């Protein structure tokens, strides 16, 4: 494992974790917006 490979893996994990957080946030926001419309 070269330092560059480790950095790329860390970067990918960081991006994926943020993508997951944003996706969950968007889904929750849509869910709450639907509840408020009723």
PDB file of N, CA and C in Angstrom:
ATOM      1  N   UNK A   1       0.856  -1.206   0.000  1.00  0.00           N
ATOM      2  CA  UNK A   1       0.000   0.000   0.000  1.00  0.00           C
ATOM      3  C   UNK A   1       0.881   1.242   0.000  1.00  0.00           C
ATOM      4  N   UNK A   2       0.847   1.998  -1.084  1.00  0.00           N
ATOM      5  CA  UNK A   2       1.625   3.239  -1.146  1.00  0.00           C
ATOM      6  C   UNK A   2       0.833   4.365  -0.489  1.00  0.00           C
ATOM      7  N   UNK A   3       1.525   5.412  -0.003  1.00  0.00           N
ATOM      8  CA  UNK A   3       0.821   6.539   0.633  1.00  0.00           C
ATOM      9  C   UNK A   3      -0.260   7.140  -0.258  1.00  0.00           C
ATOM     10  N   UNK A   4      -0.012   7.162  -1.576  1.00  0.00           N
ATOM     11  CA  UNK A   4      -0.990   7.732  -2.511  1.00  0.00           C
ATOM     12  C   UNK A   4      -2.277   6.899  -2.502  1.00  0.00           C
ATOM     13  N   UNK A   5      -2.123   5.568  -2.518  1.00  0.00           N
ATOM     14  CA  UNK A   5      -3.291   4.677  -2.493  1.00  0.00           C
ATOM     15  C   UNK A   5      -4.102   4.904  -1.227  1.00  0.00           C
ATOM     16  N   UNK A   6      -3.406   5.042  -0.092  1.00  0.00           N
ATOM     17  CA  UNK A   6      -4.078   5.280   1.193  1.00  0.00           C
ATOM     18  C   UNK A   6      -4.851   6.591   1.134  1.00  0.00           C
ATOM     19  N   UNK A   7      -4.243   7.635   0.584  1.00  0.00           N
ATOM     20  CA  UNK A   7      -4.909   8.944   0.475  1.00  0.00           C
ATOM     21  C   UNK A   7      -6.156   8.855  -0.399  1.00  0.00           C
ATOM     22  N   UNK A   8      -6.064   8.120  -1.508  1.00  0.00           N
ATOM     23  CA  UNK A   8      -7.210   7.966  -2.419  1.00  0.00           C
ATOM     24  C   UNK A   8      -8.346   7.233  -1.705  1.00  0.00           C
ATOM     25  N   UNK A   9      -8.014   6.168  -0.951  1.00  0.00           N
ATOM     26  CA  UNK A   9      -9.034   5.402  -0.220  1.00  0.00           C
ATOM     27  C   UNK A   9      -9.709   6.288   0.817  1.00  0.00           C
ATOM     28  N   UNK A  10      -8.914   7.065   1.571  1.00  0.00           N
ATOM     29  CA  UNK A  10      -9.466   7.975   2.582  1.00  0.00           C
ATOM     30  C   UNK A  10     -10.389   8.989   1.912  1.00  0.00           C
ATOM     31  N   UNK A  11      -9.961   9.533   0.776  1.00  0.00           N
ATOM     32  CA  UNK A  11     -10.765  10.522   0.045  1.00  0.00           C
ATOM     33  C   UNK A  11     -12.090   9.906  -0.415  1.00  0.00           C
ATOM     34  N   UNK A  12     -12.038   8.684  -0.950  1.00  0.00           N
ATOM     35  CA  UNK A  12     -13.256   8.000  -1.407  1.00  0.00           C
ATOM     36  C   UNK A  12     -14.212   7.755  -0.246  1.00  0.00           C
ATOM     37  N   UNK A  13     -13.682   7.291   0.887  1.00  0.00           N
ATOM     38  CA  UNK A  13     -14.519   7.040   2.070  1.00  0.00           C
ATOM     39  C   UNK A  13     -15.168   8.337   2.527  1.00  0.00           C
ATOM     40  N   UNK A  14     -14.378   9.434   2.528  1.00  0.00           N
ATOM     41  CA  UNK A  14     -14.873  10.750   2.939  1.00  0.00           C
ATOM     42  C   UNK A  14     -16.004  11.210   2.025  1.00  0.00           C
ATOM     43  N   UNK A  15     -15.806  11.084   0.708  1.00  0.00           N
ATOM     44  CA  UNK A  15     -16.822  11.502  -0.273  1.00  0.00           C
ATOM     45  C   UNK A  15     -18.082  10.645  -0.126  1.00  0.00           C
ATOM     46  N   UNK A  16     -17.905   9.324   0.021  1.00  0.00           N
ATOM     47  CA  UNK A  16     -19.060   8.425   0.141  1.00  0.00           C
ATOM     48  C   UNK A  16     -19.848   8.704   1.411  1.00  0.00           C
ATOM     49  N   UNK A  17     -19.146   8.974   2.516  1.00  0.00           N
ATOM     50  CA  UNK A  17     -19.844   9.262   3.772  1.00  0.00           C
ATOM     51  C   UNK A  17     -20.646  10.555   3.644  1.00  0.00           C
ATOM     52  N   UNK A  18     -20.055  11.574   3.006  1.00  0.00           N
ATOM     53  CA  UNK A  18     -20.775  12.840   2.801  1.00  0.00           C
ATOM     54  C   UNK A  18     -21.963  12.648   1.869  1.00  0.00           C
ATOM     55  N   UNK A  19     -21.777  11.855   0.805  1.00  0.00           N
ATOM     56  CA  UNK A  19     -22.879  11.582  -0.129  1.00  0.00           C
ATOM     57  C   UNK A  19     -24.032  10.899   0.606  1.00  0.00           C
ATOM     58  N   UNK A  20     -23.699   9.962   1.497  1.00  0.00           N
ATOM     59  CA  UNK A  20     -24.722   9.268   2.276  1.00  0.00           C
ATOM     60  C   UNK A  20     -25.469  10.213   3.200  1.00  0.00           C
ATOM     61  N   UNK A  21     -24.723  11.089   3.891  1.00  0.00           N
ATOM     62  CA  UNK A  21     -25.339  12.061   4.808  1.00  0.00           C
ATOM     63  C   UNK A  21     -26.275  12.991   4.036  1.00  0.00           C
ATOM     64  N   UNK A  22     -25.822  13.485   2.876  1.00  0.00           N
ATOM     65  CA  UNK A  22     -26.627  14.411   2.063  1.00  0.00           C
ATOM     66  C   UNK A  22     -27.887  13.696   1.558  1.00  0.00           C
ATOM     67  N   UNK A  23     -27.729  12.444   1.090  1.00  0.00           N
ATOM     68  CA  UNK A  23     -28.875  11.677   0.581  1.00  0.00           C
ATOM     69  C   UNK A  23     -29.921  11.485   1.671  1.00  0.00           C
ATOM     70  N   UNK A  24     -29.472  11.100   2.881  1.00  0.00           N
ATOM     71  CA  UNK A  24     -30.393  10.908   4.010  1.00  0.00           C
ATOM     72  C   UNK A  24     -31.082  12.229   4.341  1.00  0.00           C
ATOM     73  N   UNK A  25     -30.322  13.322   4.335  1.00  0.00           N
ATOM     74  CA  UNK A  25     -30.888  14.641   4.626  1.00  0.00           C
ATOM     75  C   UNK A  25     -31.956  15.031   3.621  1.00  0.00           C
ATOM     76  N   UNK A  26     -31.695  14.788   2.345  1.00  0.00           N
ATOM     77  CA  UNK A  26     -32.659  15.118   1.283  1.00  0.00           C
ATOM     78  C   UNK A  26     -33.925  14.269   1.436  1.00  0.00           C
ATOM     79  N   UNK A  27     -33.747  12.974   1.700  1.00  0.00           N
ATOM     80  CA  UNK A  27     -34.900  12.077   1.863  1.00  0.00           C
ATOM     81  C   UNK A  27     -35.742  12.497   3.063  1.00  0.00           C
ATOM     82  N   UNK A  28     -35.088  12.840   4.175  1.00  0.00           N
ATOM     83  CA  UNK A  28     -35.817  13.298   5.365  1.00  0.00           C
ATOM     84  C   UNK A  28     -36.553  14.595   5.070  1.00  0.00           C
ATOM     85  N   UNK A  29     -35.900  15.515   4.365  1.00  0.00           N
ATOM     86  CA  UNK A  29     -36.523  16.801   4.025  1.00  0.00           C
ATOM     87  C   UNK A  29     -37.777  16.568   3.178  1.00  0.00           C
ATOM     88  N   UNK A  30     -37.684  15.707   2.166  1.00  0.00           N
ATOM     89  CA  UNK A  30     -38.838  15.402   1.311  1.00  0.00           C
ATOM     90  C   UNK A  30     -39.964  14.796   2.141  1.00  0.00           C
ATOM     91  N   UNK A  31     -39.605  13.901   3.059  1.00  0.00           N
ATOM     92  CA  UNK A  31     -40.595  13.237   3.916  1.00  0.00           C
ATOM     93  C   UNK A  31     -41.336  14.264   4.767  1.00  0.00           C
ATOM     94  N   UNK A  32     -40.597  15.192   5.378  1.00  0.00           N
ATOM     95  CA  UNK A  32     -41.214  16.211   6.233  1.00  0.00           C
ATOM     96  C   UNK A  32     -42.058  17.184   5.414  1.00  0.00           C
ATOM     97  N   UNK A  33     -41.605  17.525   4.196  1.00  0.00           N
ATOM     98  CA  UNK A  33     -42.366  18.438   3.328  1.00  0.00           C
ATOM     99  C   UNK A  33     -43.714  17.791   2.974  1.00  0.00           C
ATOM    100  N   UNK A  34     -43.705  16.485   2.670  1.00  0.00           N
ATOM    101  CA  UNK A  34     -44.947  15.772   2.344  1.00  0.00           C
ATOM    102  C   UNK A  34     -45.897  15.781   3.539  1.00  0.00           C
ATOM    103  N   UNK A  35     -45.349  15.572   4.737  1.00  0.00           N
ATOM    104  CA  UNK A  35     -46.184  15.556   5.952  1.00  0.00           C
ATOM    105  C   UNK A  35     -46.842  16.914   6.175  1.00  0.00           C
ATOM    106  N   UNK A  36     -46.098  18.003   5.935  1.00  0.00           N
ATOM    107  CA  UNK A  36     -46.616  19.350   6.168  1.00  0.00           C
ATOM    108  C   UNK A  36     -47.699  19.720   5.153  1.00  0.00           C
ATOM    109  N   UNK A  37     -47.619  19.194   3.934  1.00  0.00           N
ATOM    110  CA  UNK A  37     -48.598  19.529   2.883  1.00  0.00           C
ATOM    111  C   UNK A  37     -49.982  18.973   3.210  1.00  0.00           C
ATOM    112  N   UNK A  38     -50.048  17.831   3.897  1.00  0.00           N
ATOM    113  CA  UNK A  38     -51.341  17.183   4.178  1.00  0.00           C
ATOM    114  C   UNK A  38     -52.200  17.992   5.145  1.00  0.00           C
TER     115      UNK A  38
END
